Amino acid sequence: MVEKGYVVKNIGQPWRNVFAYIESGGREYFFKLASTPGVGERLKNEVDWNTQLGGQQKGFYIPKIHESGLL
């Protein structure tokens, strides 16, 4: 979608979530989307957990969530 200002680098569904890597304005972004409402509840719990712990915890990296929401 170059005309929209972004390029999809990779998109797939290896398990219960849809993952997408895009590039826009010289930066890369990662999206994780729930594939069903039930998976959405699990993903919401994961977002809450990541937000509460934020950053590095006991030797492993927890990615920072910049934005989340529902459609």
PDB file of N, CA and C in Angstrom:
ATOM      1  N   MET A   1       0.815  -1.178   0.000  1.00  0.00           N
ATOM      2  CA  MET A   1       0.000   0.000   0.000  1.00  0.00           C
ATOM      3  C   MET A   1       0.866   1.252   0.000  1.00  0.00           C
ATOM      4  N   VAL A   2       1.815   1.293  -0.873  1.00  0.00           N
ATOM      5  CA  VAL A   2       2.734   2.422  -0.942  1.00  0.00           C
ATOM      6  C   VAL A   2       1.967   3.730  -1.101  1.00  0.00           C
ATOM      7  N   GLU A   3       0.888   3.704  -1.854  1.00  0.00           N
ATOM      8  CA  GLU A   3       0.108   4.927  -2.048  1.00  0.00           C
ATOM      9  C   GLU A   3      -0.553   5.410  -0.753  1.00  0.00           C
ATOM     10  N   LYS A   4      -0.693   4.547   0.218  1.00  0.00           N
ATOM     11  CA  LYS A   4      -1.258   4.908   1.526  1.00  0.00           C
ATOM     12  C   LYS A   4      -0.155   5.294   2.526  1.00  0.00           C
ATOM     13  N   GLY A   5       1.102   5.167   2.116  1.00  0.00           N
ATOM     14  CA  GLY A   5       2.202   5.574   2.982  1.00  0.00           C
ATOM     15  C   GLY A   5       2.848   4.458   3.777  1.00  0.00           C
ATOM     16  N   TYR A   6       2.512   3.212   3.484  1.00  0.00           N
ATOM     17  CA  TYR A   6       3.135   2.102   4.194  1.00  0.00           C
ATOM     18  C   TYR A   6       3.335   0.922   3.245  1.00  0.00           C
ATOM     19  N   VAL A   7       4.264   0.044   3.639  1.00  0.00           N
ATOM     20  CA  VAL A   7       4.558  -1.166   2.879  1.00  0.00           C
ATOM     21  C   VAL A   7       4.441  -2.350   3.830  1.00  0.00           C
ATOM     22  N   VAL A   8       3.651  -3.353   3.462  1.00  0.00           N
ATOM     23  CA  VAL A   8       3.539  -4.569   4.254  1.00  0.00           C
ATOM     24  C   VAL A   8       4.756  -5.429   3.961  1.00  0.00           C
ATOM     25  N   LYS A   9       5.580  -5.665   4.994  1.00  0.00           N
ATOM     26  CA  LYS A   9       6.794  -6.462   4.826  1.00  0.00           C
ATOM     27  C   LYS A   9       6.521  -7.953   4.997  1.00  0.00           C
ATOM     28  N   ASN A  10       5.608  -8.287   5.918  1.00  0.00           N
ATOM     29  CA  ASN A  10       5.291  -9.677   6.173  1.00  0.00           C
ATOM     30  C   ASN A  10       3.961  -9.727   6.920  1.00  0.00           C
ATOM     31  N   ILE A  11       3.138 -10.700   6.591  1.00  0.00           N
ATOM     32  CA  ILE A  11       1.890 -10.898   7.302  1.00  0.00           C
ATOM     33  C   ILE A  11       1.602 -12.394   7.323  1.00  0.00           C
ATOM     34  N   GLY A  12       1.105 -12.888   8.444  1.00  0.00           N
ATOM     35  CA  GLY A  12       0.822 -14.310   8.534  1.00  0.00           C
ATOM     36  C   GLY A  12       0.054 -14.649   9.798  1.00  0.00           C
ATOM     37  N   GLN A  13      -0.369 -15.901   9.869  1.00  0.00           N
ATOM     38  CA  GLN A  13      -1.091 -16.392  11.038  1.00  0.00           C
ATOM     39  C   GLN A  13      -0.517 -17.749  11.435  1.00  0.00           C
ATOM     40  N   PRO A  14       0.624 -17.705  12.170  1.00  0.00           N
ATOM     41  CA  PRO A  14       1.250 -18.975  12.533  1.00  0.00           C
ATOM     42  C   PRO A  14       0.486 -19.762  13.601  1.00  0.00           C
ATOM     43  N   TRP A  15      -0.368 -19.077  14.352  1.00  0.00           N
ATOM     44  CA  TRP A  15      -1.138 -19.766  15.384  1.00  0.00           C
ATOM     45  C   TRP A  15      -2.444 -19.036  15.571  1.00  0.00           C
ATOM     46  N   ARG A  16      -2.786 -18.590  16.758  1.00  0.00           N
ATOM     47  CA  ARG A  16      -4.106 -18.007  16.988  1.00  0.00           C
ATOM     48  C   ARG A  16      -4.200 -16.524  16.677  1.00  0.00           C
ATOM     49  N   ASN A  17      -3.077 -15.830  16.533  1.00  0.00           N
ATOM     50  CA  ASN A  17      -3.070 -14.398  16.220  1.00  0.00           C
ATOM     51  C   ASN A  17      -2.548 -14.154  14.813  1.00  0.00           C
ATOM     52  N   VAL A  18      -2.929 -13.027  14.252  1.00  0.00           N
ATOM     53  CA  VAL A  18      -2.396 -12.585  12.964  1.00  0.00           C
ATOM     54  C   VAL A  18      -1.279 -11.592  13.273  1.00  0.00           C
ATOM     55  N   PHE A  19      -0.114 -11.795  12.666  1.00  0.00           N
ATOM     56  CA  PHE A  19       1.032 -10.929  12.866  1.00  0.00           C
ATOM     57  C   PHE A  19       1.322 -10.178  11.576  1.00  0.00           C
ATOM     58  N   ALA A  20       1.673  -8.901  11.698  1.00  0.00           N
ATOM     59  CA  ALA A  20       2.017  -8.113  10.519  1.00  0.00           C
ATOM     60  C   ALA A  20       3.192  -7.192  10.833  1.00  0.00           C
ATOM     61  N   TYR A  21       4.132  -7.135   9.908  1.00  0.00           N
ATOM     62  CA  TYR A  21       5.242  -6.195   9.965  1.00  0.00           C
ATOM     63  C   TYR A  21       5.044  -5.224   8.817  1.00  0.00           C
ATOM     64  N   ILE A  22       5.026  -3.937   9.132  1.00  0.00           N
ATOM     65  CA  ILE A  22       4.903  -2.943   8.073  1.00  0.00           C
ATOM     66  C   ILE A  22       6.023  -1.921   8.223  1.00  0.00           C
ATOM     67  N   GLU A  23       6.230  -1.162   7.153  1.00  0.00           N
ATOM     68  CA  GLU A  23       7.199  -0.080   7.172  1.00  0.00           C
ATOM     69  C   GLU A  23       6.495   1.186   6.728  1.00  0.00           C
ATOM     70  N   SER A  24       6.768   2.273   7.453  1.00  0.00           N
ATOM     71  CA  SER A  24       6.173   3.564   7.120  1.00  0.00           C
ATOM     72  C   SER A  24       7.099   4.661   7.613  1.00  0.00           C
ATOM     73  N   GLY A  25       7.382   5.608   6.766  1.00  0.00           N
ATOM     74  CA  GLY A  25       8.239   6.725   7.161  1.00  0.00           C
ATOM     75  C   GLY A  25       9.622   6.311   7.613  1.00  0.00           C
ATOM     76  N   GLY A  26      10.143   5.222   7.048  1.00  0.00           N
ATOM     77  CA  GLY A  26      11.476   4.752   7.404  1.00  0.00           C
ATOM     78  C   GLY A  26      11.535   3.970   8.712  1.00  0.00           C
ATOM     79  N   ARG A  27      10.393   3.697   9.324  1.00  0.00           N
ATOM     80  CA  ARG A  27      10.356   2.922  10.573  1.00  0.00           C
ATOM     81  C   ARG A  27       9.566   1.643  10.353  1.00  0.00           C
ATOM     82  N   GLU A  28       9.918   0.616  11.128  1.00  0.00           N
ATOM     83  CA  GLU A  28       9.194  -0.652  11.051  1.00  0.00           C
ATOM     84  C   GLU A  28       8.244  -0.766  12.236  1.00  0.00           C
ATOM     85  N   TYR A  29       7.072  -1.347  11.984  1.00  0.00           N
ATOM     86  CA  TYR A  29       6.056  -1.534  13.008  1.00  0.00           C
ATOM     87  C   TYR A  29       5.605  -2.984  13.007  1.00  0.00           C
ATOM     88  N   PHE A  30       5.182  -3.444  14.180  1.00  0.00           N
ATOM     89  CA  PHE A  30       4.696  -4.803  14.346  1.00  0.00           C
ATOM     90  C   PHE A  30       3.282  -4.739  14.900  1.00  0.00           C
ATOM     91  N   PHE A  31       2.378  -5.501  14.298  1.00  0.00           N
ATOM     92  CA  PHE A  31       0.994  -5.580  14.749  1.00  0.00           C
ATOM     93  C   PHE A  31       0.670  -7.024  15.105  1.00  0.00           C
ATOM     94  N   LYS A  32      -0.082  -7.180  16.165  1.00  0.00           N
ATOM     95  CA  LYS A  32      -0.557  -8.493  16.574  1.00  0.00           C
ATOM     96  C   LYS A  32      -2.065  -8.351  16.738  1.00  0.00           C
ATOM     97  N   LEU A  33      -2.813  -9.103  15.940  1.00  0.00           N
ATOM     98  CA  LEU A  33      -4.267  -8.981  15.908  1.00  0.00           C
ATOM     99  C   LEU A  33      -4.922 -10.306  16.262  1.00  0.00           C
ATOM    100  N   ALA A  34      -5.969 -10.247  17.052  1.00  0.00           N
ATOM    101  CA  ALA A  34      -6.707 -11.451  17.424  1.00  0.00           C
ATOM    102  C   ALA A  34      -7.512 -11.948  16.229  1.00  0.00           C
ATOM    103  N   SER A  35      -7.558 -13.259  16.061  1.00  0.00           N
ATOM    104  CA  SER A  35      -8.272 -13.846  14.920  1.00  0.00           C
ATOM    105  C   SER A  35      -9.745 -14.131  15.219  1.00  0.00           C
ATOM    106  N   THR A  36     -10.121 -14.199  16.494  1.00  0.00           N
ATOM    107  CA  THR A  36     -11.512 -14.445  16.884  1.00  0.00           C
ATOM    108  C   THR A  36     -11.795 -13.672  18.180  1.00  0.00           C
ATOM    109  N   PRO A  37     -13.069 -13.490  18.536  1.00  0.00           N
ATOM    110  CA  PRO A  37     -13.370 -12.811  19.808  1.00  0.00           C
ATOM    111  C   PRO A  37     -12.781 -13.531  21.023  1.00  0.00           C
ATOM    112  N   GLY A  38     -12.790 -14.848  21.043  1.00  0.00           N
ATOM    113  CA  GLY A  38     -12.210 -15.600  22.156  1.00  0.00           C
ATOM    114  C   GLY A  38     -10.718 -15.374  22.277  1.00  0.00           C
ATOM    115  N   VAL A  39     -10.042 -15.364  21.156  1.00  0.00           N
ATOM    116  CA  VAL A  39      -8.605 -15.094  21.146  1.00  0.00           C
ATOM    117  C   VAL A  39      -8.372 -13.645  21.579  1.00  0.00           C
ATOM    118  N   GLY A  40      -9.306 -12.773  21.231  1.00  0.00           N
ATOM    119  CA  GLY A  40      -9.213 -11.366  21.636  1.00  0.00           C
ATOM    120  C   GLY A  40      -9.157 -11.207  23.141  1.00  0.00           C
ATOM    121  N   GLU A  41      -9.928 -12.008  23.867  1.00  0.00           N
ATOM    122  CA  GLU A  41      -9.889 -11.952  25.333  1.00  0.00           C
ATOM    123  C   GLU A  41      -8.519 -12.363  25.856  1.00  0.00           C
ATOM    124  N   ARG A  42      -7.952 -13.404  25.284  1.00  0.00           N
ATOM    125  CA  ARG A  42      -6.607 -13.835  25.692  1.00  0.00           C
ATOM    126  C   ARG A  42      -5.572 -12.757  25.377  1.00  0.00           C
ATOM    127  N   LEU A  43      -5.714 -12.140  24.207  1.00  0.00           N
ATOM    128  CA  LEU A  43      -4.774 -11.098  23.800  1.00  0.00           C
ATOM    129  C   LEU A  43      -4.897  -9.879  24.712  1.00  0.00           C
ATOM    130  N   LYS A  44      -6.107  -9.550  25.114  1.00  0.00           N
ATOM    131  CA  LYS A  44      -6.304  -8.437  26.048  1.00  0.00           C
ATOM    132  C   LYS A  44      -5.584  -8.726  27.365  1.00  0.00           C
ATOM    133  N   ASN A  45      -5.682  -9.941  27.863  1.00  0.00           N
ATOM    134  CA  ASN A  45      -4.967 -10.321  29.083  1.00  0.00           C
ATOM    135  C   ASN A  45      -3.457 -10.194  28.898  1.00  0.00           C
ATOM    136  N   GLU A  46      -2.975 -10.585  27.727  1.00  0.00           N
ATOM    137  CA  GLU A  46      -1.540 -10.483  27.430  1.00  0.00           C
ATOM    138  C   GLU A  46      -1.102  -9.021  27.405  1.00  0.00           C
ATOM    139  N   VAL A  47      -1.911  -8.159  26.802  1.00  0.00           N
ATOM    140  CA  VAL A  47      -1.604  -6.728  26.760  1.00  0.00           C
ATOM    141  C   VAL A  47      -1.543  -6.176  28.180  1.00  0.00           C
ATOM    142  N   ASP A  48      -2.517  -6.524  29.012  1.00  0.00           N
ATOM    143  CA  ASP A  48      -2.524  -6.057  30.403  1.00  0.00           C
ATOM    144  C   ASP A  48      -1.269  -6.516  31.141  1.00  0.00           C
ATOM    145  N   TRP A  49      -0.891  -7.777  30.949  1.00  0.00           N
ATOM    146  CA  TRP A  49       0.299  -8.331  31.596  1.00  0.00           C
ATOM    147  C   TRP A  49       1.555  -7.591  31.136  1.00  0.00           C
ATOM    148  N   ASN A  50       1.705  -7.406  29.818  1.00  0.00           N
ATOM    149  CA  ASN A  50       2.878  -6.709  29.285  1.00  0.00           C
ATOM    150  C   ASN A  50       2.947  -5.276  29.799  1.00  0.00           C
ATOM    151  N   THR A  51       1.795  -4.607  29.887  1.00  0.00           N
ATOM    152  CA  THR A  51       1.756  -3.226  30.349  1.00  0.00           C
ATOM    153  C   THR A  51       2.150  -3.134  31.820  1.00  0.00           C
ATOM    154  N   GLN A  52       1.690  -4.057  32.628  1.00  0.00           N
ATOM    155  CA  GLN A  52       2.015  -4.046  34.057  1.00  0.00           C
ATOM    156  C   GLN A  52       3.495  -4.290  34.305  1.00  0.00           C
ATOM    157  N   LEU A  53       4.089  -5.225  33.563  1.00  0.00           N
ATOM    158  CA  LEU A  53       5.499  -5.548  33.780  1.00  0.00           C
ATOM    159  C   LEU A  53       6.426  -4.589  33.052  1.00  0.00           C
ATOM    160  N   GLY A  54       6.049  -4.225  31.819  1.00  0.00           N
ATOM    161  CA  GLY A  54       6.795  -3.262  31.008  1.00  0.00           C
ATOM    162  C   GLY A  54       8.307  -3.376  31.052  1.00  0.00           C
ATOM    163  N   GLY A  55       8.935  -3.541  29.924  1.00  0.00           N
ATOM    164  CA  GLY A  55      10.395  -3.582  29.834  1.00  0.00           C
ATOM    165  C   GLY A  55      10.970  -4.949  30.138  1.00  0.00           C
ATOM    166  N   GLN A  56      12.073  -4.947  30.858  1.00  0.00           N
ATOM    167  CA  GLN A  56      12.779  -6.197  31.131  1.00  0.00           C
ATOM    168  C   GLN A  56      12.426  -6.719  32.518  1.00  0.00           C
ATOM    169  N   GLN A  57      12.219  -8.003  32.607  1.00  0.00           N
ATOM    170  CA  GLN A  57      11.844  -8.634  33.863  1.00  0.00           C
ATOM    171  C   GLN A  57      12.597  -9.947  34.006  1.00  0.00           C
ATOM    172  N   LYS A  58      13.455 -10.037  34.975  1.00  0.00           N
ATOM    173  CA  LYS A  58      14.169 -11.275  35.307  1.00  0.00           C
ATOM    174  C   LYS A  58      14.809 -11.962  34.098  1.00  0.00           C
ATOM    175  N   GLY A  59      15.547 -11.208  33.302  1.00  0.00           N
ATOM    176  CA  GLY A  59      16.327 -11.800  32.237  1.00  0.00           C
ATOM    177  C   GLY A  59      15.642 -11.977  30.901  1.00  0.00           C
ATOM    178  N   PHE A  60      14.402 -11.562  30.766  1.00  0.00           N
ATOM    179  CA  PHE A  60      13.780 -11.631  29.445  1.00  0.00           C
ATOM    180  C   PHE A  60      13.109 -10.304  29.116  1.00  0.00           C
ATOM    181  N   TYR A  61      13.019 -10.022  27.841  1.00  0.00           N
ATOM    182  CA  TYR A  61      12.504  -8.740  27.365  1.00  0.00           C
ATOM    183  C   TYR A  61      11.004  -8.823  27.126  1.00  0.00           C
ATOM    184  N   ILE A  62      10.283  -7.854  27.644  1.00  0.00           N
ATOM    185  CA  ILE A  62       8.846  -7.742  27.406  1.00  0.00           C
ATOM    186  C   ILE A  62       8.649  -6.518  26.520  1.00  0.00           C
ATOM    187  N   PRO A  63       8.138  -6.702  25.307  1.00  0.00           N
ATOM    188  CA  PRO A  63       8.015  -5.570  24.395  1.00  0.00           C
ATOM    189  C   PRO A  63       7.082  -4.487  24.934  1.00  0.00           C
ATOM    190  N   LYS A  64       7.426  -3.243  24.638  1.00  0.00           N
ATOM    191  CA  LYS A  64       6.584  -2.115  25.025  1.00  0.00           C
ATOM    192  C   LYS A  64       5.397  -2.040  24.059  1.00  0.00           C
ATOM    193  N   ILE A  65       4.226  -1.894  24.621  1.00  0.00           N
ATOM    194  CA  ILE A  65       3.017  -1.741  23.802  1.00  0.00           C
ATOM    195  C   ILE A  65       2.765  -0.247  23.639  1.00  0.00           C
ATOM    196  N   HIS A  66       2.787   0.213  22.409  1.00  0.00           N
ATOM    197  CA  HIS A  66       2.587   1.624  22.143  1.00  0.00           C
ATOM    198  C   HIS A  66       1.122   1.988  22.054  1.00  0.00           C
ATOM    199  N   GLU A  67       0.317   1.050  21.605  1.00  0.00           N
ATOM    200  CA  GLU A  67      -1.105   1.323  21.464  1.00  0.00           C
ATOM    201  C   GLU A  67      -1.859   0.001  21.373  1.00  0.00           C
ATOM    202  N   SER A  68      -3.056  -0.037  21.903  1.00  0.00           N
ATOM    203  CA  SER A  68      -3.912  -1.207  21.767  1.00  0.00           C
ATOM    204  C   SER A  68      -5.362  -0.739  21.726  1.00  0.00           C
ATOM    205  N   GLY A  69      -6.233  -1.600  21.258  1.00  0.00           N
ATOM    206  CA  GLY A  69      -7.624  -1.202  21.205  1.00  0.00           C
ATOM    207  C   GLY A  69      -8.485  -2.253  20.523  1.00  0.00           C
ATOM    208  N   LEU A  70      -9.743  -1.943  20.417  1.00  0.00           N
ATOM    209  CA  LEU A  70     -10.720  -2.827  19.795  1.00  0.00           C
ATOM    210  C   LEU A  70     -11.319  -2.162  18.568  1.00  0.00           C
ATOM    211  N   LEU A  71     -11.680  -2.983  17.603  1.00  0.00           N
ATOM    212  CA  LEU A  71     -12.365  -2.454  16.414  1.00  0.00           C
ATOM    213  C   LEU A  71     -13.849  -2.664  16.543  1.00  0.00           C
TER     214      LEU A  71
END
